[in-house]
Amino acid sequence: MQPLEAFNHLPPAAQLLYTWEHGYYLAARPGKAPGLIKLYQVGALFVEIHFRNPNEFEVVRAFRDPGLLLPYLDQLNLDDLLA
């Protein structure tokens, strides 16, 4: 099973736990008011978590398509990748 498929088969609570234990925070963008969507890199995947408030959150989606990173490009530092 591919990593994206394996991640998507996990229950939502396990997805969150796995993201927090193995992921690296990359950026955030506004979600549905007053929410916030945070982007994490988890191995070869990217995971977005929607925070409605500090105590209420859920995985929005996991993906591999770099095109879905466009909403975050103004926040990501790509200097290390270009050097």
C-alpha atoms as a PDB file:
ATOM      1  CA  MET A   1       0.000   0.000   0.000  1.00  0.00           C
ATOM      2  CA  GLN A   2       1.323   3.468  -0.903  1.00  0.00           C
ATOM      3  CA  PRO A   3       2.014   5.961   1.952  1.00  0.00           C
ATOM      4  CA  LEU A   4      -0.898   8.224   0.953  1.00  0.00           C
ATOM      5  CA  GLU A   5      -3.325   5.304   0.849  1.00  0.00           C
ATOM      6  CA  ALA A   6      -2.025   3.960   4.165  1.00  0.00           C
ATOM      7  CA  PHE A   7      -2.395   7.372   5.809  1.00  0.00           C
ATOM      8  CA  ASN A   8      -5.912   7.845   4.439  1.00  0.00           C
ATOM      9  CA  HIS A   9      -6.955   4.432   5.820  1.00  0.00           C
ATOM     10  CA  LEU A  10      -6.036   5.481   9.368  1.00  0.00           C
ATOM     11  CA  PRO A  11      -8.850   6.700  11.629  1.00  0.00           C
ATOM     12  CA  PRO A  12      -8.875  10.516  11.993  1.00  0.00           C
ATOM     13  CA  ALA A  13      -7.421  10.449  15.523  1.00  0.00           C
ATOM     14  CA  ALA A  14      -4.541   8.241  14.333  1.00  0.00           C
ATOM     15  CA  GLN A  15      -3.907  10.589  11.388  1.00  0.00           C
ATOM     16  CA  LEU A  16      -3.565  13.520  13.788  1.00  0.00           C
ATOM     17  CA  LEU A  17      -1.300  11.613  16.156  1.00  0.00           C
ATOM     18  CA  TYR A  18       0.896  10.365  13.314  1.00  0.00           C
ATOM     19  CA  THR A  19       1.188  13.870  11.869  1.00  0.00           C
ATOM     20  CA  TRP A  20       2.199  15.380  15.204  1.00  0.00           C
ATOM     21  CA  GLU A  21       4.673  12.605  15.994  1.00  0.00           C
ATOM     22  CA  HIS A  22       6.314  12.374  12.546  1.00  0.00           C
ATOM     23  CA  GLY A  23       5.480  15.635  10.796  1.00  0.00           C
ATOM     24  CA  TYR A  24       7.258  18.946  10.432  1.00  0.00           C
ATOM     25  CA  TYR A  25       5.266  22.174  10.549  1.00  0.00           C
ATOM     26  CA  LEU A  26       5.745  24.199   7.355  1.00  0.00           C
ATOM     27  CA  ALA A  27       3.181  27.009   7.146  1.00  0.00           C
ATOM     28  CA  ALA A  28      -0.381  28.165   7.870  1.00  0.00           C
ATOM     29  CA  ARG A  29      -3.154  29.921   5.989  1.00  0.00           C
ATOM     30  CA  PRO A  30      -6.596  31.197   6.899  1.00  0.00           C
ATOM     31  CA  GLY A  31      -9.383  28.656   6.968  1.00  0.00           C
ATOM     32  CA  LYS A  32     -13.081  29.169   7.461  1.00  0.00           C
ATOM     33  CA  ALA A  33     -13.388  32.069   9.901  1.00  0.00           C
ATOM     34  CA  PRO A  34     -12.082  32.049  12.539  1.00  0.00           C
ATOM     35  CA  GLY A  35     -10.150  28.902  11.658  1.00  0.00           C
ATOM     36  CA  LEU A  36      -6.618  28.259  10.528  1.00  0.00           C
ATOM     37  CA  ILE A  37      -5.194  25.529   8.288  1.00  0.00           C
ATOM     38  CA  LYS A  38      -1.686  24.364   9.133  1.00  0.00           C
ATOM     39  CA  LEU A  39       0.530  22.505   6.687  1.00  0.00           C
ATOM     40  CA  TYR A  40       2.858  19.698   7.783  1.00  0.00           C
ATOM     41  CA  GLN A  41       5.297  17.536   5.876  1.00  0.00           C
ATOM     42  CA  VAL A  42       5.058  13.888   6.896  1.00  0.00           C
ATOM     43  CA  GLY A  43       7.639  11.900   4.961  1.00  0.00           C
ATOM     44  CA  ALA A  44       6.701  12.132   1.276  1.00  0.00           C
ATOM     45  CA  LEU A  45       3.239  13.519   2.126  1.00  0.00           C
ATOM     46  CA  PHE A  46       1.837  16.903   2.980  1.00  0.00           C
ATOM     47  CA  VAL A  47      -0.964  17.061   5.532  1.00  0.00           C
ATOM     48  CA  GLU A  48      -3.306  19.958   6.195  1.00  0.00           C
ATOM     49  CA  ILE A  49      -4.969  20.209   9.604  1.00  0.00           C
ATOM     50  CA  HIS A  50      -7.902  22.586  10.036  1.00  0.00           C
ATOM     51  CA  PHE A  51      -7.987  24.241  13.443  1.00  0.00           C
ATOM     52  CA  ARG A  52     -11.421  25.680  14.237  1.00  0.00           C
ATOM     53  CA  ASN A  53      -9.937  26.815  17.566  1.00  0.00           C
ATOM     54  CA  PRO A  54      -7.022  25.577  19.717  1.00  0.00           C
ATOM     55  CA  ASN A  55      -9.116  22.675  21.062  1.00  0.00           C
ATOM     56  CA  GLU A  56     -11.062  21.670  17.949  1.00  0.00           C
ATOM     57  CA  PHE A  57      -9.270  20.393  14.855  1.00  0.00           C
ATOM     58  CA  GLU A  58      -9.321  17.748  12.165  1.00  0.00           C
ATOM     59  CA  VAL A  59      -7.253  16.523   9.244  1.00  0.00           C
ATOM     60  CA  VAL A  60      -8.484  18.268   6.114  1.00  0.00           C
ATOM     61  CA  ARG A  61      -6.455  16.294   3.615  1.00  0.00           C
ATOM     62  CA  ALA A  62      -3.222  14.503   2.911  1.00  0.00           C
ATOM     63  CA  PHE A  63      -1.633  14.860  -0.519  1.00  0.00           C
ATOM     64  CA  ARG A  64       1.539  14.465  -2.580  1.00  0.00           C
ATOM     65  CA  ASP A  65       0.752  16.916  -5.397  1.00  0.00           C
ATOM     66  CA  PRO A  66       3.131  19.908  -5.052  1.00  0.00           C
ATOM     67  CA  GLY A  67       0.609  22.036  -6.947  1.00  0.00           C
ATOM     68  CA  LEU A  68      -1.559  22.039  -3.827  1.00  0.00           C
ATOM     69  CA  LEU A  69       1.199  23.973  -2.014  1.00  0.00           C
ATOM     70  CA  LEU A  70       0.421  27.176  -3.968  1.00  0.00           C
ATOM     71  CA  PRO A  71      -1.581  28.804  -1.124  1.00  0.00           C
ATOM     72  CA  TYR A  72       1.539  28.515   1.064  1.00  0.00           C
ATOM     73  CA  LEU A  73       4.296  29.641  -1.319  1.00  0.00           C
ATOM     74  CA  ASP A  74       4.577  33.140   0.126  1.00  0.00           C
ATOM     75  CA  GLN A  75       5.409  31.585   3.520  1.00  0.00           C
ATOM     76  CA  LEU A  76       7.794  28.799   2.518  1.00  0.00           C
ATOM     77  CA  ASN A  77      11.518  29.522   2.400  1.00  0.00           C
ATOM     78  CA  LEU A  78      12.871  27.755  -0.668  1.00  0.00           C
ATOM     79  CA  ASP A  79      16.401  29.225  -0.439  1.00  0.00           C
ATOM     80  CA  ASP A  80      17.877  25.994   0.893  1.00  0.00           C
ATOM     81  CA  LEU A  81      16.351  24.054  -1.974  1.00  0.00           C
ATOM     82  CA  LEU A  82      17.711  26.465  -4.588  1.00  0.00           C
ATOM     83  CA  ALA A  83      21.273  26.690  -3.195  1.00  0.00           C
END
